[in-house]
C-alpha cells in the first residue's frame, strides 16, 4: 500500500508543479537590492506560479506559497555559469535541494530576518539545513491534503481526524 500511495503522490506532485502561464509578479523585483540585502539565516518567501502554489496560497490565505533559507555560498554547488547556490529549499518531486538566488528573481518575494537569534545561532541553522540536502520530500502530505479537501461522505470533523499529517519519516521534508 505504501508503494501505491508514493506513486500516486508523485504523479499528483508532477501535475501540481506545472506552472500557470501568464504569471506577472505583484511588484517588480530588484535583483541587485536583494543580493545586497539578504544575509545568512534569512528566509526568502516567494509567491509561486504553479498549481500547487495557488492551492497553498488559497489554503493559507497568504501571498506566499514557497520559502527558502538563505545559507550563503555552498561549497561545490553552483550553476553552469558559476553562480553559487545560496538557498536551501524543499521541492515536491526533488526533495531538499540547493538553488541560486537568481532562481527567484522573476517572482514577487520578501525577505524575513529572524529576530533574537545570534549570528552563531543563524550559522548553526544554516549548517543544519545544508546537511539535509538530498533528503526526500514528503509526498504523503499531498495525499493527506487531498483527503482533507475532497468532499468524502464523512462529516468535516471526521475528515480532520482521518489525516495523519506526513509520513512520520524524519528523512522527508516539506516546505
C-alpha atoms as a PDB file:
ATOM      1  CA  UNK A   1       0.000   0.000   0.000  1.00  0.00           C
ATOM      2  CA  UNK A   2       2.897   2.374   0.760  1.00  0.00           C
ATOM      3  CA  UNK A   3       4.289   1.981  -2.762  1.00  0.00           C
ATOM      4  CA  UNK A   4       0.888   2.760  -4.283  1.00  0.00           C
ATOM      5  CA  UNK A   5       0.490   5.898  -2.152  1.00  0.00           C
ATOM      6  CA  UNK A   6       4.032   7.029  -3.009  1.00  0.00           C
ATOM      7  CA  UNK A   7       3.391   6.523  -6.736  1.00  0.00           C
ATOM      8  CA  UNK A   8       0.061   8.348  -6.627  1.00  0.00           C
ATOM      9  CA  UNK A   9       1.653  11.125  -4.564  1.00  0.00           C
ATOM     10  CA  UNK A  10       4.457  11.550  -7.121  1.00  0.00           C
ATOM     11  CA  UNK A  11       2.009  11.630 -10.031  1.00  0.00           C
ATOM     12  CA  UNK A  12      -0.115  14.259  -8.311  1.00  0.00           C
ATOM     13  CA  UNK A  13       3.014  16.228  -7.364  1.00  0.00           C
ATOM     14  CA  UNK A  14       4.150  16.329 -11.011  1.00  0.00           C
ATOM     15  CA  UNK A  15       0.742  17.634 -12.067  1.00  0.00           C
ATOM     16  CA  UNK A  16       0.639  20.248  -9.324  1.00  0.00           C
ATOM     17  CA  UNK A  17       4.155  21.516 -10.106  1.00  0.00           C
ATOM     18  CA  UNK A  18       3.240  22.673 -13.609  1.00  0.00           C
ATOM     19  CA  UNK A  19       3.454  26.427 -13.941  1.00  0.00           C
ATOM     20  CA  UNK A  20       0.437  28.520 -14.814  1.00  0.00           C
ATOM     21  CA  UNK A  21       1.160  30.642 -17.915  1.00  0.00           C
ATOM     22  CA  UNK A  22       0.865  34.413 -17.801  1.00  0.00           C
ATOM     23  CA  UNK A  23       2.341  34.977 -14.339  1.00  0.00           C
ATOM     24  CA  UNK A  24       3.218  38.587 -13.589  1.00  0.00           C
ATOM     25  CA  UNK A  25       4.696  39.482 -10.208  1.00  0.00           C
ATOM     26  CA  UNK A  26       2.680  41.773  -7.963  1.00  0.00           C
ATOM     27  CA  UNK A  27       5.675  44.069  -7.665  1.00  0.00           C
ATOM     28  CA  UNK A  28       8.788  44.273  -9.828  1.00  0.00           C
ATOM     29  CA  UNK A  29      11.848  42.632  -8.316  1.00  0.00           C
ATOM     30  CA  UNK A  30      15.194  44.329  -7.793  1.00  0.00           C
ATOM     31  CA  UNK A  31      17.796  41.528  -8.003  1.00  0.00           C
ATOM     32  CA  UNK A  32      20.788  43.674  -7.027  1.00  0.00           C
ATOM     33  CA  UNK A  33      18.994  45.086  -3.990  1.00  0.00           C
ATOM     34  CA  UNK A  34      18.025  41.548  -2.948  1.00  0.00           C
ATOM     35  CA  UNK A  35      21.643  40.336  -3.279  1.00  0.00           C
ATOM     36  CA  UNK A  36      22.858  43.248  -1.129  1.00  0.00           C
ATOM     37  CA  UNK A  37      20.126  42.867   1.486  1.00  0.00           C
ATOM     38  CA  UNK A  38      19.895  39.132   2.198  1.00  0.00           C
ATOM     39  CA  UNK A  39      22.011  37.557   4.974  1.00  0.00           C
ATOM     40  CA  UNK A  40      22.715  34.060   6.295  1.00  0.00           C
ATOM     41  CA  UNK A  41      19.704  32.706   8.143  1.00  0.00           C
ATOM     42  CA  UNK A  42      17.172  34.892   6.305  1.00  0.00           C
ATOM     43  CA  UNK A  43      14.066  33.228   4.913  1.00  0.00           C
ATOM     44  CA  UNK A  44      13.035  34.146   1.380  1.00  0.00           C
ATOM     45  CA  UNK A  45       9.260  33.982   0.919  1.00  0.00           C
ATOM     46  CA  UNK A  46       8.140  33.554  -2.681  1.00  0.00           C
ATOM     47  CA  UNK A  47       4.832  33.958  -4.496  1.00  0.00           C
ATOM     48  CA  UNK A  48       4.986  30.976  -6.829  1.00  0.00           C
ATOM     49  CA  UNK A  49       3.026  30.442 -10.032  1.00  0.00           C
ATOM     50  CA  UNK A  50       2.428  26.692 -10.127  1.00  0.00           C
ATOM     51  CA  UNK A  51      -0.837  24.875  -9.491  1.00  0.00           C
ATOM     52  CA  UNK A  52       0.308  23.838  -6.043  1.00  0.00           C
ATOM     53  CA  UNK A  53       1.315  27.432  -5.283  1.00  0.00           C
ATOM     54  CA  UNK A  54      -2.238  28.554  -5.966  1.00  0.00           C
ATOM     55  CA  UNK A  55      -3.594  25.878  -3.638  1.00  0.00           C
ATOM     56  CA  UNK A  56      -1.137  26.801  -0.880  1.00  0.00           C
ATOM     57  CA  UNK A  57      -1.963  30.500  -1.209  1.00  0.00           C
ATOM     58  CA  UNK A  58      -5.687  29.724  -1.058  1.00  0.00           C
ATOM     59  CA  UNK A  59      -5.449  27.432   1.970  1.00  0.00           C
ATOM     60  CA  UNK A  60      -3.104  29.686   3.930  1.00  0.00           C
ATOM     61  CA  UNK A  61      -4.794  32.926   2.838  1.00  0.00           C
ATOM     62  CA  UNK A  62      -1.316  34.265   2.120  1.00  0.00           C
ATOM     63  CA  UNK A  63       0.528  35.840  -0.782  1.00  0.00           C
ATOM     64  CA  UNK A  64       3.406  33.424  -0.215  1.00  0.00           C
ATOM     65  CA  UNK A  65       3.478  29.826  -1.377  1.00  0.00           C
ATOM     66  CA  UNK A  66       7.119  28.842  -1.025  1.00  0.00           C
ATOM     67  CA  UNK A  67      10.078  29.528   1.204  1.00  0.00           C
ATOM     68  CA  UNK A  68      13.817  29.015   1.019  1.00  0.00           C
ATOM     69  CA  UNK A  69      16.558  29.520   3.591  1.00  0.00           C
ATOM     70  CA  UNK A  70      19.496  31.711   2.594  1.00  0.00           C
ATOM     71  CA  UNK A  71      22.684  29.951   3.759  1.00  0.00           C
ATOM     72  CA  UNK A  72      25.364  31.748   1.745  1.00  0.00           C
ATOM     73  CA  UNK A  73      27.540  30.091  -0.918  1.00  0.00           C
ATOM     74  CA  UNK A  74      27.570  26.296  -0.650  1.00  0.00           C
ATOM     75  CA  UNK A  75      30.900  24.609  -1.406  1.00  0.00           C
ATOM     76  CA  UNK A  76      30.789  22.640  -4.635  1.00  0.00           C
ATOM     77  CA  UNK A  77      27.289  23.761  -5.643  1.00  0.00           C
ATOM     78  CA  UNK A  78      26.939  26.226  -8.492  1.00  0.00           C
ATOM     79  CA  UNK A  79      25.222  26.812 -11.803  1.00  0.00           C
ATOM     80  CA  UNK A  80      26.958  26.216 -15.134  1.00  0.00           C
ATOM     81  CA  UNK A  81      27.682  29.955 -15.370  1.00  0.00           C
ATOM     82  CA  UNK A  82      29.431  29.868 -11.978  1.00  0.00           C
ATOM     83  CA  UNK A  83      26.658  31.438  -9.903  1.00  0.00           C
ATOM     84  CA  UNK A  84      26.833  29.834  -6.444  1.00  0.00           C
ATOM     85  CA  UNK A  85      23.927  28.057  -4.837  1.00  0.00           C
ATOM     86  CA  UNK A  86      22.968  30.046  -1.739  1.00  0.00           C
ATOM     87  CA  UNK A  87      19.440  28.807  -0.923  1.00  0.00           C
ATOM     88  CA  UNK A  88      18.143  25.583   0.624  1.00  0.00           C
ATOM     89  CA  UNK A  89      14.572  24.565  -0.172  1.00  0.00           C
ATOM     90  CA  UNK A  90      12.316  21.512  -0.176  1.00  0.00           C
ATOM     91  CA  UNK A  91      10.559  20.959  -3.505  1.00  0.00           C
ATOM     92  CA  UNK A  92       7.884  18.454  -4.432  1.00  0.00           C
ATOM     93  CA  UNK A  93       9.480  15.788  -6.603  1.00  0.00           C
ATOM     94  CA  UNK A  94      13.049  16.888  -5.811  1.00  0.00           C
ATOM     95  CA  UNK A  95      13.317  16.864  -2.045  1.00  0.00           C
ATOM     96  CA  UNK A  96      15.757  19.122  -0.218  1.00  0.00           C
ATOM     97  CA  UNK A  97      17.978  20.903  -2.735  1.00  0.00           C
ATOM     98  CA  UNK A  98      20.188  23.947  -3.083  1.00  0.00           C
ATOM     99  CA  UNK A  99      19.499  26.730  -5.568  1.00  0.00           C
ATOM    100  CA  UNK A 100      20.945  30.034  -6.763  1.00  0.00           C
ATOM    101  CA  UNK A 101      19.334  33.284  -5.669  1.00  0.00           C
ATOM    102  CA  UNK A 102      18.602  34.157  -9.309  1.00  0.00           C
ATOM    103  CA  UNK A 103      16.023  31.356  -9.438  1.00  0.00           C
ATOM    104  CA  UNK A 104      13.553  33.659  -7.709  1.00  0.00           C
ATOM    105  CA  UNK A 105      14.404  36.982  -9.381  1.00  0.00           C
ATOM    106  CA  UNK A 106      11.297  36.852 -11.627  1.00  0.00           C
ATOM    107  CA  UNK A 107       8.969  36.296  -8.656  1.00  0.00           C
ATOM    108  CA  UNK A 108       7.382  38.520  -6.050  1.00  0.00           C
ATOM    109  CA  UNK A 109       9.388  37.817  -2.902  1.00  0.00           C
ATOM    110  CA  UNK A 110      10.042  39.024   0.619  1.00  0.00           C
ATOM    111  CA  UNK A 111      12.980  38.597   2.986  1.00  0.00           C
ATOM    112  CA  UNK A 112      12.228  37.654   6.595  1.00  0.00           C
ATOM    113  CA  UNK A 113      15.042  38.093   9.076  1.00  0.00           C
ATOM    114  CA  UNK A 114      14.990  36.200  12.387  1.00  0.00           C
ATOM    115  CA  UNK A 115      14.831  38.446  15.430  1.00  0.00           C
ATOM    116  CA  UNK A 116      16.597  37.439  18.611  1.00  0.00           C
ATOM    117  CA  UNK A 117      18.969  34.898  17.060  1.00  0.00           C
ATOM    118  CA  UNK A 118      22.672  35.491  17.372  1.00  0.00           C
ATOM    119  CA  UNK A 119      24.948  35.190  14.340  1.00  0.00           C
ATOM    120  CA  UNK A 120      26.198  31.860  15.724  1.00  0.00           C
ATOM    121  CA  UNK A 121      22.617  30.569  16.014  1.00  0.00           C
ATOM    122  CA  UNK A 122      21.876  31.541  12.412  1.00  0.00           C
ATOM    123  CA  UNK A 123      25.068  29.806  11.225  1.00  0.00           C
ATOM    124  CA  UNK A 124      24.023  26.668  13.152  1.00  0.00           C
ATOM    125  CA  UNK A 125      20.604  26.694  11.450  1.00  0.00           C
ATOM    126  CA  UNK A 126      22.279  27.111   8.043  1.00  0.00           C
ATOM    127  CA  UNK A 127      24.661  24.199   8.667  1.00  0.00           C
ATOM    128  CA  UNK A 128      21.736  22.023   9.730  1.00  0.00           C
ATOM    129  CA  UNK A 129      19.863  22.871   6.509  1.00  0.00           C
ATOM    130  CA  UNK A 130      22.915  22.217   4.328  1.00  0.00           C
ATOM    131  CA  UNK A 131      23.293  18.787   5.954  1.00  0.00           C
ATOM    132  CA  UNK A 132      19.697  17.974   4.923  1.00  0.00           C
ATOM    133  CA  UNK A 133      20.392  18.358   1.178  1.00  0.00           C
ATOM    134  CA  UNK A 134      19.361  15.127  -0.509  1.00  0.00           C
ATOM    135  CA  UNK A 135      16.559  14.277   1.911  1.00  0.00           C
ATOM    136  CA  UNK A 136      13.259  13.412   0.225  1.00  0.00           C
ATOM    137  CA  UNK A 137      10.062  15.450   0.021  1.00  0.00           C
ATOM    138  CA  UNK A 138       7.191  14.002   1.991  1.00  0.00           C
ATOM    139  CA  UNK A 139       4.693  13.316  -0.825  1.00  0.00           C
ATOM    140  CA  UNK A 140       2.358  11.621   1.645  1.00  0.00           C
ATOM    141  CA  UNK A 141       1.420  15.130   2.758  1.00  0.00           C
ATOM    142  CA  UNK A 142      -0.162  15.681  -0.672  1.00  0.00           C
ATOM    143  CA  UNK A 143      -2.356  12.600  -0.247  1.00  0.00           C
ATOM    144  CA  UNK A 144      -3.310  13.784   3.242  1.00  0.00           C
ATOM    145  CA  UNK A 145      -4.203  17.226   1.901  1.00  0.00           C
ATOM    146  CA  UNK A 146      -6.376  15.679  -0.822  1.00  0.00           C
ATOM    147  CA  UNK A 147      -8.190  13.526   1.724  1.00  0.00           C
ATOM    148  CA  UNK A 148      -8.946  16.688   3.646  1.00  0.00           C
ATOM    149  CA  UNK A 149     -10.097  18.707   0.616  1.00  0.00           C
ATOM    150  CA  UNK A 150     -12.046  16.094  -1.361  1.00  0.00           C
ATOM    151  CA  UNK A 151     -15.635  16.001  -0.104  1.00  0.00           C
ATOM    152  CA  UNK A 152     -15.980  12.439   1.066  1.00  0.00           C
ATOM    153  CA  UNK A 153     -19.191  11.086   2.573  1.00  0.00           C
ATOM    154  CA  UNK A 154     -17.846  11.907   6.030  1.00  0.00           C
ATOM    155  CA  UNK A 155     -18.504  14.986   8.137  1.00  0.00           C
ATOM    156  CA  UNK A 156     -15.672  17.517   8.020  1.00  0.00           C
ATOM    157  CA  UNK A 157     -14.782  16.950  11.690  1.00  0.00           C
ATOM    158  CA  UNK A 158     -14.167  13.250  10.893  1.00  0.00           C
ATOM    159  CA  UNK A 159     -12.021  14.113   7.860  1.00  0.00           C
ATOM    160  CA  UNK A 160      -9.751  16.156  10.098  1.00  0.00           C
ATOM    161  CA  UNK A 161      -9.245  13.147  12.345  1.00  0.00           C
ATOM    162  CA  UNK A 162      -8.533  10.855   9.379  1.00  0.00           C
ATOM    163  CA  UNK A 163      -5.464  12.863   8.451  1.00  0.00           C
ATOM    164  CA  UNK A 164      -2.135  11.605   9.748  1.00  0.00           C
ATOM    165  CA  UNK A 165      -0.031  14.542   8.596  1.00  0.00           C
ATOM    166  CA  UNK A 166       3.047  13.374   6.784  1.00  0.00           C
ATOM    167  CA  UNK A 167       4.734  10.058   6.621  1.00  0.00           C
ATOM    168  CA  UNK A 168       6.371  10.385  10.005  1.00  0.00           C
ATOM    169  CA  UNK A 169       9.705   9.726   8.292  1.00  0.00           C
ATOM    170  CA  UNK A 170      12.318  12.147   9.673  1.00  0.00           C
ATOM    171  CA  UNK A 171      14.282  11.966   6.397  1.00  0.00           C
ATOM    172  CA  UNK A 172      11.433  13.519   4.395  1.00  0.00           C
ATOM    173  CA  UNK A 173      10.632  17.218   4.439  1.00  0.00           C
ATOM    174  CA  UNK A 174       8.043  19.667   3.208  1.00  0.00           C
ATOM    175  CA  UNK A 175       8.428  23.357   2.704  1.00  0.00           C
END
